[in-house]
Amino acid sequence: MEANHDLGTNHPIGSHHYRAFVGPPEKYDLIGASQFNLMTSLGLRENHFLLDIGCGSLRGGRLFIPYLLSNHYFGIEPEEWLVQEGINQNLGNDILKIKSPQFSFEKNFQFDVFDKKFDFILAQSIFSHASKKQIETCLQSAKKVMKENSFFAATFLKGDTNNTSEKWLYPESGTFTLEFFLNLIEDQGLFGRPLKWEHPNGQTWLVITKPENKENIPNL
């Protein structure tokens, strides 16, 4: 029973604990709630299909999975143990029978593994650790599984310099200028717009969509 009450607040970020591994453990609940509120404000409803990139220990998934209809939540996470811990600590196995979330432990941003088009895509604190090449691969893959009116909500760490690392940074982070990041998105034939939505860790939220759908982005 004692392990169930260990919320990871004494563990440093990135340590092998289901909350601390994915970010500040003391903000675990707040960041999850913020994601959920943003996605529903963008229009997510129970009948939509959601792709959660880097779903981790289901910080947001523990809210999305009960909310969405069965077979409508899809999570990609390279660290399989995180997903299992998220189920054990946050949801329990019974909900899997009711909601049937689907997971892939694919490591290279290949989203067509589900053979599904998504109404909404989420990448919370993925681009703050990814290299330019990884971001480009992610955007390319996301475009393939987006519908004409899909919204892709993502965060990045805005700064005065651009991350030049060629590999994944963690628990370290890398910054990009807003202009540079929007150009990355445009280069993939997509449109990006920053949001005013506050992030608990000071990251910047963007909504990415196909250019013909940009006028439908909510003013958030």
N, C-alpha and C. Protein backbone atom coordinates (compact mmCIF):
# COMPACT_ATOMS: atom_id res chain seq x y z
N MET A 1 0.82 -1.21 0.00
CA MET A 1 0.00 0.00 0.00
C MET A 1 0.86 1.27 0.00
N GLU A 2 2.03 1.19 0.66
CA GLU A 2 2.86 2.38 0.78
C GLU A 2 3.27 2.94 -0.57
N ALA A 3 3.55 2.06 -1.56
CA ALA A 3 3.98 2.53 -2.88
C ALA A 3 2.91 3.37 -3.55
N ASN A 4 1.64 3.10 -3.27
CA ASN A 4 0.56 3.84 -3.89
C ASN A 4 0.52 5.30 -3.44
N HIS A 5 1.16 5.59 -2.29
CA HIS A 5 1.15 6.95 -1.77
C HIS A 5 2.45 7.68 -2.09
N ASP A 6 3.35 7.06 -2.81
CA ASP A 6 4.60 7.69 -3.21
C ASP A 6 4.36 8.49 -4.48
N LEU A 7 4.19 9.78 -4.33
CA LEU A 7 3.89 10.64 -5.47
C LEU A 7 5.15 11.19 -6.13
N GLY A 8 6.30 10.72 -5.70
CA GLY A 8 7.55 11.07 -6.38
C GLY A 8 8.10 12.44 -6.07
N THR A 9 7.55 13.12 -5.09
CA THR A 9 7.98 14.51 -4.83
C THR A 9 9.40 14.59 -4.29
N ASN A 10 9.94 13.49 -3.81
CA ASN A 10 11.32 13.48 -3.34
C ASN A 10 12.29 12.95 -4.38
N HIS A 11 11.79 12.74 -5.59
CA HIS A 11 12.63 12.20 -6.66
C HIS A 11 12.98 13.31 -7.66
N PRO A 12 14.22 13.39 -8.12
CA PRO A 12 14.57 14.39 -9.13
C PRO A 12 13.93 14.08 -10.48
N ILE A 13 13.72 15.11 -11.29
CA ILE A 13 13.14 14.94 -12.62
C ILE A 13 14.01 13.99 -13.44
N GLY A 14 13.36 13.03 -14.09
CA GLY A 14 14.06 12.06 -14.92
C GLY A 14 14.40 10.77 -14.22
N SER A 15 14.15 10.70 -12.91
CA SER A 15 14.46 9.48 -12.17
C SER A 15 13.43 8.40 -12.46
N HIS A 16 13.75 7.17 -12.08
CA HIS A 16 12.90 6.02 -12.43
C HIS A 16 11.71 5.92 -11.49
N HIS A 17 10.81 6.88 -11.66
CA HIS A 17 9.55 6.92 -10.91
C HIS A 17 8.50 7.41 -11.88
N TYR A 18 7.32 6.81 -11.86
CA TYR A 18 6.35 7.07 -12.93
C TYR A 18 5.94 8.54 -13.04
N ARG A 19 6.01 9.29 -11.94
CA ARG A 19 5.70 10.71 -11.99
C ARG A 19 6.94 11.56 -12.27
N ALA A 20 8.02 11.29 -11.56
CA ALA A 20 9.22 12.10 -11.70
C ALA A 20 9.87 11.94 -13.07
N PHE A 21 9.73 10.78 -13.70
CA PHE A 21 10.38 10.55 -14.99
C PHE A 21 9.85 11.50 -16.06
N VAL A 22 8.60 11.92 -15.96
CA VAL A 22 7.97 12.72 -17.02
C VAL A 22 7.96 14.22 -16.73
N GLY A 23 8.55 14.65 -15.61
CA GLY A 23 8.57 16.07 -15.31
C GLY A 23 8.46 16.32 -13.83
N PRO A 24 8.25 17.57 -13.43
CA PRO A 24 8.15 17.88 -12.01
C PRO A 24 7.01 17.09 -11.35
N PRO A 25 7.31 16.19 -10.42
CA PRO A 25 6.24 15.37 -9.86
C PRO A 25 5.20 16.16 -9.10
N GLU A 26 5.58 17.31 -8.54
CA GLU A 26 4.63 18.12 -7.80
C GLU A 26 3.61 18.81 -8.71
N LYS A 27 3.89 18.82 -10.02
CA LYS A 27 2.95 19.43 -10.99
C LYS A 27 2.25 18.37 -11.84
N TYR A 28 2.43 17.11 -11.49
CA TYR A 28 1.90 16.01 -12.30
C TYR A 28 0.41 16.17 -12.57
N ASP A 29 -0.36 16.41 -11.52
CA ASP A 29 -1.81 16.53 -11.67
C ASP A 29 -2.19 17.80 -12.43
N LEU A 30 -1.49 18.90 -12.16
CA LEU A 30 -1.80 20.17 -12.79
C LEU A 30 -1.55 20.13 -14.29
N ILE A 31 -0.41 19.55 -14.70
CA ILE A 31 -0.09 19.47 -16.13
C ILE A 31 -1.08 18.57 -16.85
N GLY A 32 -1.48 17.47 -16.21
CA GLY A 32 -2.49 16.60 -16.82
C GLY A 32 -3.81 17.31 -17.01
N ALA A 33 -4.24 18.05 -15.98
CA ALA A 33 -5.51 18.77 -16.06
C ALA A 33 -5.45 19.87 -17.11
N SER A 34 -4.30 20.54 -17.21
CA SER A 34 -4.15 21.62 -18.19
C SER A 34 -4.26 21.08 -19.61
N GLN A 35 -3.66 19.92 -19.87
CA GLN A 35 -3.78 19.30 -21.19
C GLN A 35 -5.23 19.00 -21.53
N PHE A 36 -5.91 18.40 -20.57
CA PHE A 36 -7.30 18.00 -20.80
C PHE A 36 -8.18 19.22 -21.08
N ASN A 37 -8.00 20.27 -20.27
CA ASN A 37 -8.81 21.47 -20.45
C ASN A 37 -8.52 22.13 -21.80
N LEU A 38 -7.26 22.14 -22.21
CA LEU A 38 -6.92 22.73 -23.51
C LEU A 38 -7.57 21.95 -24.64
N MET A 39 -7.44 20.64 -24.61
CA MET A 39 -7.95 19.84 -25.72
C MET A 39 -9.47 19.94 -25.84
N THR A 40 -10.17 19.96 -24.72
CA THR A 40 -11.63 20.11 -24.80
C THR A 40 -12.00 21.53 -25.25
N SER A 41 -11.18 22.52 -24.88
CA SER A 41 -11.43 23.89 -25.35
C SER A 41 -11.19 24.01 -26.85
N LEU A 42 -10.29 23.19 -27.37
CA LEU A 42 -10.05 23.17 -28.83
C LEU A 42 -11.14 22.41 -29.58
N GLY A 43 -11.99 21.71 -28.83
CA GLY A 43 -13.10 21.02 -29.48
C GLY A 43 -13.16 19.53 -29.28
N LEU A 44 -12.20 18.95 -28.55
CA LEU A 44 -12.21 17.50 -28.33
C LEU A 44 -13.49 17.08 -27.63
N ARG A 45 -14.15 16.07 -28.18
CA ARG A 45 -15.35 15.50 -27.57
C ARG A 45 -15.21 13.98 -27.51
N GLU A 46 -16.08 13.34 -26.79
CA GLU A 46 -15.91 11.92 -26.49
C GLU A 46 -15.85 11.03 -27.72
N ASN A 47 -16.44 11.48 -28.82
CA ASN A 47 -16.50 10.67 -30.04
C ASN A 47 -15.29 10.85 -30.95
N HIS A 48 -14.37 11.73 -30.57
CA HIS A 48 -13.20 11.98 -31.39
C HIS A 48 -12.08 10.97 -31.12
N PHE A 49 -11.19 10.83 -32.10
CA PHE A 49 -10.03 9.96 -31.97
C PHE A 49 -8.82 10.82 -31.62
N LEU A 50 -8.14 10.45 -30.54
CA LEU A 50 -7.02 11.22 -30.04
C LEU A 50 -5.74 10.40 -30.08
N LEU A 51 -4.67 11.00 -30.62
CA LEU A 51 -3.33 10.42 -30.57
C LEU A 51 -2.51 11.21 -29.56
N ASP A 52 -2.02 10.54 -28.54
CA ASP A 52 -1.23 11.15 -27.47
C ASP A 52 0.23 10.73 -27.66
N ILE A 53 1.05 11.64 -28.19
CA ILE A 53 2.45 11.35 -28.48
C ILE A 53 3.27 11.50 -27.20
N GLY A 54 4.03 10.45 -26.87
CA GLY A 54 4.78 10.49 -25.62
C GLY A 54 3.85 10.49 -24.43
N CYS A 55 2.91 9.54 -24.42
CA CYS A 55 1.86 9.52 -23.40
C CYS A 55 2.39 9.20 -22.01
N GLY A 56 3.62 8.69 -21.94
CA GLY A 56 4.26 8.49 -20.65
C GLY A 56 3.47 7.62 -19.69
N SER A 57 3.39 8.08 -18.45
CA SER A 57 2.66 7.34 -17.42
C SER A 57 1.20 7.76 -17.34
N LEU A 58 0.69 8.28 -18.46
CA LEU A 58 -0.72 8.64 -18.60
C LEU A 58 -1.11 9.80 -17.69
N ARG A 59 -0.21 10.76 -17.60
CA ARG A 59 -0.48 11.98 -16.84
C ARG A 59 -1.74 12.66 -17.37
N GLY A 60 -1.85 12.73 -18.70
CA GLY A 60 -3.08 13.22 -19.30
C GLY A 60 -4.02 12.09 -19.64
N GLY A 61 -3.46 10.93 -19.97
CA GLY A 61 -4.28 9.79 -20.36
C GLY A 61 -5.25 9.35 -19.30
N ARG A 62 -4.93 9.55 -18.03
CA ARG A 62 -5.84 9.13 -16.96
C ARG A 62 -7.12 9.96 -16.96
N LEU A 63 -7.10 11.10 -17.66
CA LEU A 63 -8.31 11.90 -17.85
C LEU A 63 -8.94 11.64 -19.21
N PHE A 64 -8.11 11.51 -20.24
CA PHE A 64 -8.64 11.29 -21.59
C PHE A 64 -9.28 9.92 -21.76
N ILE A 65 -8.68 8.89 -21.20
CA ILE A 65 -9.19 7.52 -21.42
C ILE A 65 -10.60 7.34 -20.87
N PRO A 66 -10.90 7.76 -19.64
CA PRO A 66 -12.29 7.62 -19.17
C PRO A 66 -13.27 8.50 -19.95
N TYR A 67 -12.78 9.64 -20.44
CA TYR A 67 -13.66 10.60 -21.13
C TYR A 67 -14.05 10.13 -22.53
N LEU A 68 -13.08 9.64 -23.27
CA LEU A 68 -13.34 9.25 -24.66
C LEU A 68 -14.09 7.92 -24.75
N LEU A 69 -14.79 7.74 -25.85
CA LEU A 69 -15.47 6.47 -26.09
C LEU A 69 -14.44 5.35 -26.26
N SER A 70 -14.90 4.14 -26.14
CA SER A 70 -14.03 2.98 -26.28
C SER A 70 -13.32 2.98 -27.63
N ASN A 71 -12.05 2.61 -27.61
CA ASN A 71 -11.22 2.53 -28.83
C ASN A 71 -10.95 3.88 -29.46
N HIS A 72 -11.00 4.95 -28.67
CA HIS A 72 -10.77 6.29 -29.23
C HIS A 72 -9.49 6.95 -28.71
N TYR A 73 -8.81 6.33 -27.74
CA TYR A 73 -7.55 6.87 -27.24
C TYR A 73 -6.40 6.00 -27.72
N PHE A 74 -5.38 6.68 -28.31
CA PHE A 74 -4.20 5.99 -28.83
C PHE A 74 -2.96 6.69 -28.28
N GLY A 75 -2.10 5.92 -27.64
CA GLY A 75 -0.90 6.49 -27.05
C GLY A 75 0.36 5.87 -27.62
N ILE A 76 1.35 6.72 -27.89
CA ILE A 76 2.67 6.24 -28.32
C ILE A 76 3.68 6.62 -27.23
N GLU A 77 4.45 5.65 -26.80
CA GLU A 77 5.43 5.88 -25.73
C GLU A 77 6.57 4.87 -25.83
N PRO A 78 7.81 5.34 -26.04
CA PRO A 78 8.94 4.41 -26.14
C PRO A 78 9.22 3.64 -24.85
N GLU A 79 8.91 4.23 -23.70
CA GLU A 79 9.20 3.60 -22.41
C GLU A 79 7.97 2.79 -21.96
N GLU A 80 7.96 1.52 -22.32
CA GLU A 80 6.78 0.69 -22.03
C GLU A 80 6.46 0.63 -20.54
N TRP A 81 7.49 0.61 -19.70
CA TRP A 81 7.26 0.52 -18.26
C TRP A 81 6.45 1.70 -17.73
N LEU A 82 6.61 2.86 -18.36
CA LEU A 82 5.86 4.04 -17.93
C LEU A 82 4.37 3.86 -18.13
N VAL A 83 3.99 3.33 -19.28
CA VAL A 83 2.58 3.11 -19.56
C VAL A 83 1.99 2.11 -18.56
N GLN A 84 2.72 1.04 -18.31
CA GLN A 84 2.22 0.03 -17.37
C GLN A 84 2.09 0.61 -15.96
N GLU A 85 3.04 1.42 -15.56
CA GLU A 85 2.94 2.07 -14.25
C GLU A 85 1.77 3.05 -14.21
N GLY A 86 1.55 3.74 -15.33
CA GLY A 86 0.42 4.65 -15.39
C GLY A 86 -0.90 3.93 -15.23
N ILE A 87 -1.00 2.77 -15.84
CA ILE A 87 -2.21 1.95 -15.69
C ILE A 87 -2.33 1.47 -14.24
N ASN A 88 -1.25 0.96 -13.70
CA ASN A 88 -1.29 0.42 -12.34
C ASN A 88 -1.61 1.48 -11.30
N GLN A 89 -0.99 2.66 -11.43
CA GLN A 89 -1.11 3.69 -10.40
C GLN A 89 -2.29 4.64 -10.61
N ASN A 90 -2.70 4.84 -11.86
CA ASN A 90 -3.70 5.87 -12.15
C ASN A 90 -5.07 5.36 -12.54
N LEU A 91 -5.13 4.19 -13.18
CA LEU A 91 -6.38 3.77 -13.79
C LEU A 91 -6.86 2.40 -13.35
N GLY A 92 -5.96 1.46 -13.21
CA GLY A 92 -6.37 0.08 -12.94
C GLY A 92 -6.68 -0.64 -14.24
N ASN A 93 -6.59 -1.96 -14.19
CA ASN A 93 -6.76 -2.76 -15.41
C ASN A 93 -8.20 -2.90 -15.87
N ASP A 94 -9.15 -2.73 -14.98
CA ASP A 94 -10.56 -2.93 -15.36
C ASP A 94 -11.00 -1.96 -16.46
N ILE A 95 -10.46 -0.73 -16.41
CA ILE A 95 -10.88 0.27 -17.40
C ILE A 95 -10.42 -0.11 -18.80
N LEU A 96 -9.37 -0.93 -18.90
CA LEU A 96 -8.90 -1.35 -20.21
C LEU A 96 -9.96 -2.17 -20.94
N LYS A 97 -10.74 -2.93 -20.19
CA LYS A 97 -11.81 -3.74 -20.80
C LYS A 97 -12.95 -2.86 -21.29
N ILE A 98 -13.16 -1.75 -20.62
CA ILE A 98 -14.28 -0.87 -20.97
C ILE A 98 -13.90 0.11 -22.08
N LYS A 99 -12.73 0.72 -21.97
CA LYS A 99 -12.35 1.80 -22.87
C LYS A 99 -11.39 1.36 -23.99
N SER A 100 -10.73 0.24 -23.81
CA SER A 100 -9.84 -0.33 -24.84
C SER A 100 -8.87 0.68 -25.45
N PRO A 101 -8.11 1.41 -24.63
CA PRO A 101 -7.08 2.28 -25.21
C PRO A 101 -6.02 1.44 -25.91
N GLN A 102 -5.44 2.01 -26.94
CA GLN A 102 -4.41 1.28 -27.69
C GLN A 102 -3.06 1.98 -27.54
N PHE A 103 -2.02 1.18 -27.40
CA PHE A 103 -0.69 1.74 -27.19
C PHE A 103 0.31 1.14 -28.17
N SER A 104 1.29 1.97 -28.53
CA SER A 104 2.43 1.50 -29.31
C SER A 104 3.69 1.97 -28.60
N PHE A 105 4.71 1.14 -28.61
CA PHE A 105 5.98 1.49 -27.97
C PHE A 105 7.05 1.77 -29.02
N GLU A 106 6.57 2.25 -30.16
CA GLU A 106 7.40 2.63 -31.30
C GLU A 106 8.26 3.83 -30.90
N LYS A 107 9.51 3.87 -31.38
CA LYS A 107 10.47 4.87 -30.93
C LYS A 107 10.79 5.96 -31.95
N ASN A 108 10.23 5.89 -33.14
CA ASN A 108 10.69 6.78 -34.20
C ASN A 108 9.59 7.64 -34.82
N PHE A 109 8.59 7.98 -34.03
CA PHE A 109 7.52 8.87 -34.49
C PHE A 109 6.79 8.34 -35.72
N GLN A 110 6.56 7.03 -35.75
CA GLN A 110 5.81 6.45 -36.87
C GLN A 110 4.37 6.20 -36.41
N PHE A 111 3.49 7.13 -36.77
CA PHE A 111 2.13 7.12 -36.22
C PHE A 111 1.15 6.28 -37.03
N ASP A 112 1.60 5.80 -38.19
CA ASP A 112 0.71 4.97 -39.00
C ASP A 112 0.62 3.54 -38.48
N VAL A 113 1.28 3.24 -37.35
CA VAL A 113 1.20 1.89 -36.78
C VAL A 113 -0.23 1.55 -36.38
N PHE A 114 -1.06 2.57 -36.14
CA PHE A 114 -2.44 2.33 -35.72
C PHE A 114 -3.40 2.21 -36.89
N ASP A 115 -2.95 2.58 -38.10
CA ASP A 115 -3.81 2.56 -39.28
C ASP A 115 -5.09 3.34 -39.01
N LYS A 116 -4.93 4.58 -38.54
CA LYS A 116 -6.05 5.40 -38.10
C LYS A 116 -5.78 6.86 -38.42
N LYS A 117 -6.85 7.59 -38.77
CA LYS A 117 -6.77 9.04 -38.89
C LYS A 117 -7.31 9.64 -37.59
N PHE A 118 -6.67 10.72 -37.14
CA PHE A 118 -7.00 11.28 -35.84
C PHE A 118 -7.61 12.68 -35.96
N ASP A 119 -8.59 12.94 -35.10
CA ASP A 119 -9.20 14.27 -35.04
C ASP A 119 -8.31 15.24 -34.28
N PHE A 120 -7.66 14.71 -33.24
CA PHE A 120 -6.78 15.53 -32.40
C PHE A 120 -5.49 14.75 -32.12
N ILE A 121 -4.39 15.51 -32.08
CA ILE A 121 -3.08 14.95 -31.74
C ILE A 121 -2.50 15.84 -30.65
N LEU A 122 -1.82 15.22 -29.71
CA LEU A 122 -1.25 15.94 -28.58
C LEU A 122 0.22 15.57 -28.43
N ALA A 123 1.08 16.57 -28.25
CA ALA A 123 2.50 16.33 -27.96
C ALA A 123 2.91 17.29 -26.86
N GLN A 124 2.69 16.87 -25.63
CA GLN A 124 3.01 17.69 -24.46
C GLN A 124 4.47 17.46 -24.07
N SER A 125 5.27 18.53 -24.16
CA SER A 125 6.68 18.53 -23.76
C SER A 125 7.50 17.46 -24.50
N ILE A 126 7.22 17.29 -25.78
CA ILE A 126 8.03 16.41 -26.63
C ILE A 126 9.06 17.26 -27.39
N PHE A 127 8.61 18.35 -28.00
CA PHE A 127 9.52 19.18 -28.79
C PHE A 127 10.51 19.95 -27.93
N SER A 128 10.28 20.01 -26.62
CA SER A 128 11.23 20.68 -25.73
C SER A 128 12.46 19.82 -25.48
N HIS A 129 12.41 18.56 -25.92
CA HIS A 129 13.55 17.65 -25.74
C HIS A 129 14.06 17.09 -27.08
N ALA A 130 13.32 17.32 -28.15
CA ALA A 130 13.64 16.71 -29.44
C ALA A 130 14.59 17.56 -30.26
N SER A 131 15.35 16.90 -31.12
CA SER A 131 16.21 17.60 -32.07
C SER A 131 15.38 18.13 -33.24
N LYS A 132 15.96 19.00 -34.03
CA LYS A 132 15.28 19.54 -35.21
C LYS A 132 14.85 18.40 -36.13
N LYS A 133 15.72 17.43 -36.37
CA LYS A 133 15.40 16.30 -37.25
C LYS A 133 14.25 15.48 -36.68
N GLN A 134 14.25 15.25 -35.39
CA GLN A 134 13.16 14.48 -34.77
C GLN A 134 11.83 15.22 -34.89
N ILE A 135 11.87 16.54 -34.73
CA ILE A 135 10.65 17.33 -34.87
C ILE A 135 10.12 17.25 -36.30
N GLU A 136 11.02 17.35 -37.26
CA GLU A 136 10.61 17.24 -38.66
C GLU A 136 9.97 15.88 -38.94
N THR A 137 10.57 14.82 -38.42
CA THR A 137 10.01 13.48 -38.60
C THR A 137 8.64 13.38 -37.96
N CYS A 138 8.49 13.94 -36.77
CA CYS A 138 7.20 13.91 -36.07
C CYS A 138 6.13 14.65 -36.87
N LEU A 139 6.47 15.82 -37.39
CA LEU A 139 5.51 16.60 -38.16
C LEU A 139 5.11 15.87 -39.45
N GLN A 140 6.08 15.27 -40.10
CA GLN A 140 5.80 14.52 -41.32
C GLN A 140 4.84 13.36 -41.04
N SER A 141 5.10 12.64 -39.96
CA SER A 141 4.25 11.50 -39.60
C SER A 141 2.87 11.95 -39.17
N ALA A 142 2.82 13.07 -38.43
CA ALA A 142 1.52 13.57 -37.98
C ALA A 142 0.66 13.99 -39.16
N LYS A 143 1.26 14.63 -40.13
CA LYS A 143 0.50 15.08 -41.30
C LYS A 143 -0.20 13.91 -41.99
N LYS A 144 0.46 12.76 -42.02
CA LYS A 144 -0.11 11.58 -42.68
C LYS A 144 -1.35 11.05 -41.98
N VAL A 145 -1.46 11.29 -40.68
CA VAL A 145 -2.60 10.71 -39.94
C VAL A 145 -3.60 11.78 -39.51
N MET A 146 -3.45 12.99 -40.04
CA MET A 146 -4.40 14.06 -39.74
C MET A 146 -5.51 14.11 -40.78
N LYS A 147 -6.71 14.40 -40.32
CA LYS A 147 -7.82 14.68 -41.21
C LYS A 147 -7.72 16.12 -41.69
N GLU A 148 -8.60 16.52 -42.59
CA GLU A 148 -8.53 17.88 -43.13
C GLU A 148 -8.76 18.94 -42.06
N ASN A 149 -9.54 18.59 -41.01
CA ASN A 149 -9.86 19.55 -39.97
C ASN A 149 -9.25 19.19 -38.62
N SER A 150 -8.20 18.38 -38.61
CA SER A 150 -7.57 17.96 -37.36
C SER A 150 -6.78 19.10 -36.72
N PHE A 151 -6.70 19.05 -35.40
CA PHE A 151 -5.86 19.97 -34.64
C PHE A 151 -4.79 19.16 -33.91
N PHE A 152 -3.56 19.64 -34.01
CA PHE A 152 -2.41 19.04 -33.36
C PHE A 152 -1.89 20.08 -32.36
N ALA A 153 -2.06 19.81 -31.07
CA ALA A 153 -1.60 20.73 -30.02
C ALA A 153 -0.26 20.24 -29.49
N ALA A 154 0.72 21.14 -29.46
CA ALA A 154 2.07 20.76 -29.03
C ALA A 154 2.70 21.90 -28.26
N THR A 155 3.64 21.55 -27.38
CA THR A 155 4.40 22.56 -26.67
C THR A 155 5.85 22.54 -27.15
N PHE A 156 6.49 23.70 -27.04
CA PHE A 156 7.93 23.78 -27.21
C PHE A 156 8.44 24.84 -26.25
N LEU A 157 9.73 24.84 -26.02
CA LEU A 157 10.35 25.79 -25.10
C LEU A 157 10.90 26.96 -25.92
N LYS A 158 10.25 28.09 -25.80
CA LYS A 158 10.64 29.26 -26.59
C LYS A 158 11.86 29.94 -25.96
N GLY A 159 12.81 30.30 -26.81
CA GLY A 159 14.02 30.97 -26.34
C GLY A 159 14.64 31.82 -27.43
N ASP A 160 15.81 32.33 -27.16
CA ASP A 160 16.50 33.20 -28.12
C ASP A 160 17.44 32.43 -29.04
N THR A 161 17.66 31.15 -28.74
CA THR A 161 18.56 30.32 -29.55
C THR A 161 17.84 29.04 -29.94
N ASN A 162 18.37 28.39 -30.98
CA ASN A 162 17.78 27.15 -31.48
C ASN A 162 18.63 25.95 -31.10
N ASN A 163 17.98 24.94 -30.59
CA ASN A 163 18.64 23.71 -30.18
C ASN A 163 19.39 23.08 -31.37
N THR A 164 20.67 22.86 -31.22
CA THR A 164 21.47 22.27 -32.31
C THR A 164 21.84 20.82 -32.03
N SER A 165 21.35 20.27 -30.94
CA SER A 165 21.64 18.87 -30.63
C SER A 165 21.05 17.96 -31.71
N GLU A 166 21.72 16.88 -32.00
CA GLU A 166 21.21 15.94 -33.00
C GLU A 166 20.58 14.71 -32.35
N LYS A 167 20.38 14.77 -31.05
CA LYS A 167 19.78 13.63 -30.34
C LYS A 167 18.77 14.12 -29.32
N TRP A 168 18.00 13.20 -28.78
CA TRP A 168 17.01 13.49 -27.75
C TRP A 168 17.72 13.98 -26.49
N LEU A 169 17.23 15.08 -25.92
CA LEU A 169 17.77 15.63 -24.68
C LEU A 169 16.82 15.33 -23.53
N TYR A 170 17.32 14.65 -22.50
CA TYR A 170 16.48 14.42 -21.33
C TYR A 170 17.33 13.95 -20.16
N PRO A 171 17.14 14.56 -19.00
CA PRO A 171 16.08 15.52 -18.64
C PRO A 171 16.37 16.96 -19.05
N GLU A 172 17.46 17.19 -19.76
CA GLU A 172 17.74 18.54 -20.26
C GLU A 172 16.69 18.94 -21.30
N SER A 173 16.65 20.24 -21.59
CA SER A 173 15.71 20.76 -22.59
C SER A 173 16.45 21.60 -23.61
N GLY A 174 15.81 21.81 -24.76
CA GLY A 174 16.36 22.66 -25.80
C GLY A 174 15.33 23.69 -26.25
N THR A 175 15.79 24.89 -26.54
CA THR A 175 14.88 25.96 -26.95
C THR A 175 14.91 26.18 -28.46
N PHE A 176 13.85 26.83 -28.94
CA PHE A 176 13.78 27.29 -30.33
C PHE A 176 13.12 28.66 -30.31
N THR A 177 13.48 29.50 -31.27
CA THR A 177 12.75 30.75 -31.42
C THR A 177 11.39 30.45 -32.04
N LEU A 178 10.43 31.31 -31.78
CA LEU A 178 9.09 31.10 -32.34
C LEU A 178 9.13 31.11 -33.86
N GLU A 179 9.86 32.06 -34.45
CA GLU A 179 9.94 32.15 -35.92
C GLU A 179 10.52 30.88 -36.52
N PHE A 180 11.60 30.36 -35.91
CA PHE A 180 12.23 29.15 -36.40
C PHE A 180 11.26 27.98 -36.34
N PHE A 181 10.54 27.86 -35.23
CA PHE A 181 9.65 26.73 -35.06
C PHE A 181 8.46 26.80 -36.03
N LEU A 182 7.90 28.00 -36.20
CA LEU A 182 6.79 28.14 -37.15
C LEU A 182 7.25 27.83 -38.57
N ASN A 183 8.49 28.16 -38.90
CA ASN A 183 9.03 27.83 -40.22
C ASN A 183 9.20 26.32 -40.39
N LEU A 184 9.61 25.63 -39.31
CA LEU A 184 9.69 24.17 -39.36
C LEU A 184 8.34 23.56 -39.73
N ILE A 185 7.31 24.09 -39.11
CA ILE A 185 5.95 23.60 -39.36
C ILE A 185 5.54 23.89 -40.80
N GLU A 186 5.79 25.11 -41.25
CA GLU A 186 5.42 25.52 -42.61
C GLU A 186 6.16 24.69 -43.65
N ASP A 187 7.41 24.34 -43.37
CA ASP A 187 8.20 23.54 -44.30
C ASP A 187 7.60 22.15 -44.54
N GLN A 188 6.79 21.68 -43.61
CA GLN A 188 6.13 20.38 -43.75
C GLN A 188 4.73 20.51 -44.35
N GLY A 189 4.40 21.71 -44.84
CA GLY A 189 3.10 21.91 -45.46
C GLY A 189 1.97 22.05 -44.47
N LEU A 190 2.30 22.47 -43.26
CA LEU A 190 1.30 22.65 -42.21
C LEU A 190 1.30 24.10 -41.75
N PHE A 191 0.34 24.46 -40.93
CA PHE A 191 0.24 25.82 -40.40
C PHE A 191 0.25 25.75 -38.88
N GLY A 192 1.03 26.62 -38.26
CA GLY A 192 1.10 26.66 -36.81
C GLY A 192 0.77 28.02 -36.26
N ARG A 193 0.09 28.03 -35.10
CA ARG A 193 -0.25 29.29 -34.44
C ARG A 193 -0.03 29.15 -32.94
N PRO A 194 0.72 30.08 -32.32
CA PRO A 194 0.89 30.00 -30.87
C PRO A 194 -0.40 30.36 -30.15
N LEU A 195 -0.57 29.79 -28.98
CA LEU A 195 -1.73 30.07 -28.14
C LEU A 195 -1.30 30.84 -26.90
N LYS A 196 -2.24 31.51 -26.27
CA LYS A 196 -1.98 32.21 -25.02
C LYS A 196 -2.18 31.29 -23.81
N TRP A 197 -2.57 30.04 -24.08
CA TRP A 197 -2.87 29.10 -23.00
C TRP A 197 -1.65 28.90 -22.11
N GLU A 198 -1.83 29.15 -20.82
CA GLU A 198 -0.70 29.09 -19.89
C GLU A 198 -0.26 27.65 -19.65
N HIS A 199 1.06 27.45 -19.63
CA HIS A 199 1.62 26.13 -19.34
C HIS A 199 2.29 26.17 -17.98
N PRO A 200 2.04 25.17 -17.11
CA PRO A 200 2.61 25.18 -15.77
C PRO A 200 4.13 25.26 -15.72
N ASN A 201 4.81 24.82 -16.78
CA ASN A 201 6.28 24.86 -16.80
C ASN A 201 6.83 25.95 -17.71
N GLY A 202 5.96 26.87 -18.13
CA GLY A 202 6.42 27.99 -18.93
C GLY A 202 6.68 27.70 -20.39
N GLN A 203 6.24 26.55 -20.88
CA GLN A 203 6.39 26.26 -22.31
C GLN A 203 5.31 26.99 -23.11
N THR A 204 5.49 27.01 -24.42
CA THR A 204 4.54 27.68 -25.32
C THR A 204 3.71 26.64 -26.04
N TRP A 205 2.39 26.82 -26.01
CA TRP A 205 1.49 25.93 -26.73
C TRP A 205 1.31 26.43 -28.17
N LEU A 206 1.29 25.51 -29.10
CA LEU A 206 0.99 25.78 -30.50
C LEU A 206 -0.15 24.89 -30.95
N VAL A 207 -0.95 25.37 -31.87
CA VAL A 207 -1.89 24.51 -32.59
C VAL A 207 -1.43 24.41 -34.02
N ILE A 208 -1.31 23.18 -34.49
CA ILE A 208 -0.86 22.89 -35.85
C ILE A 208 -2.01 22.25 -36.61
N THR A 209 -2.23 22.71 -37.81
CA THR A 209 -3.31 22.16 -38.62
C THR A 209 -2.94 22.29 -40.10
N LYS A 210 -3.78 21.78 -40.95
CA LYS A 210 -3.55 21.94 -42.38
C LYS A 210 -3.95 23.37 -42.77
N PRO A 211 -3.24 23.98 -43.72
CA PRO A 211 -3.45 25.41 -44.02
C PRO A 211 -4.90 25.77 -44.32
N GLU A 212 -5.62 24.88 -44.97
CA GLU A 212 -7.00 25.20 -45.32
C GLU A 212 -7.93 25.22 -44.11
N ASN A 213 -7.43 24.76 -42.95
CA ASN A 213 -8.25 24.73 -41.74
C ASN A 213 -7.85 25.80 -40.73
N LYS A 214 -6.90 26.66 -41.08
CA LYS A 214 -6.33 27.57 -40.09
C LYS A 214 -7.36 28.58 -39.54
N GLU A 215 -8.34 28.93 -40.34
CA GLU A 215 -9.34 29.90 -39.88
C GLU A 215 -10.25 29.32 -38.80
N ASN A 216 -10.22 28.00 -38.63
CA ASN A 216 -11.09 27.36 -37.64
C ASN A 216 -10.41 27.16 -36.29
N ILE A 217 -9.15 27.60 -36.17
CA ILE A 217 -8.47 27.48 -34.88
C ILE A 217 -9.14 28.38 -33.85
N PRO A 218 -9.58 27.85 -32.73
CA PRO A 218 -10.20 28.70 -31.69
C PRO A 218 -9.23 29.74 -31.18
N ASN A 219 -9.78 30.86 -30.75
CA ASN A 219 -8.96 31.96 -30.24
C ASN A 219 -8.72 31.75 -28.75
N LEU A 220 -7.69 30.97 -28.46
CA LEU A 220 -7.38 30.65 -27.06
C LEU A 220 -6.05 31.27 -26.65
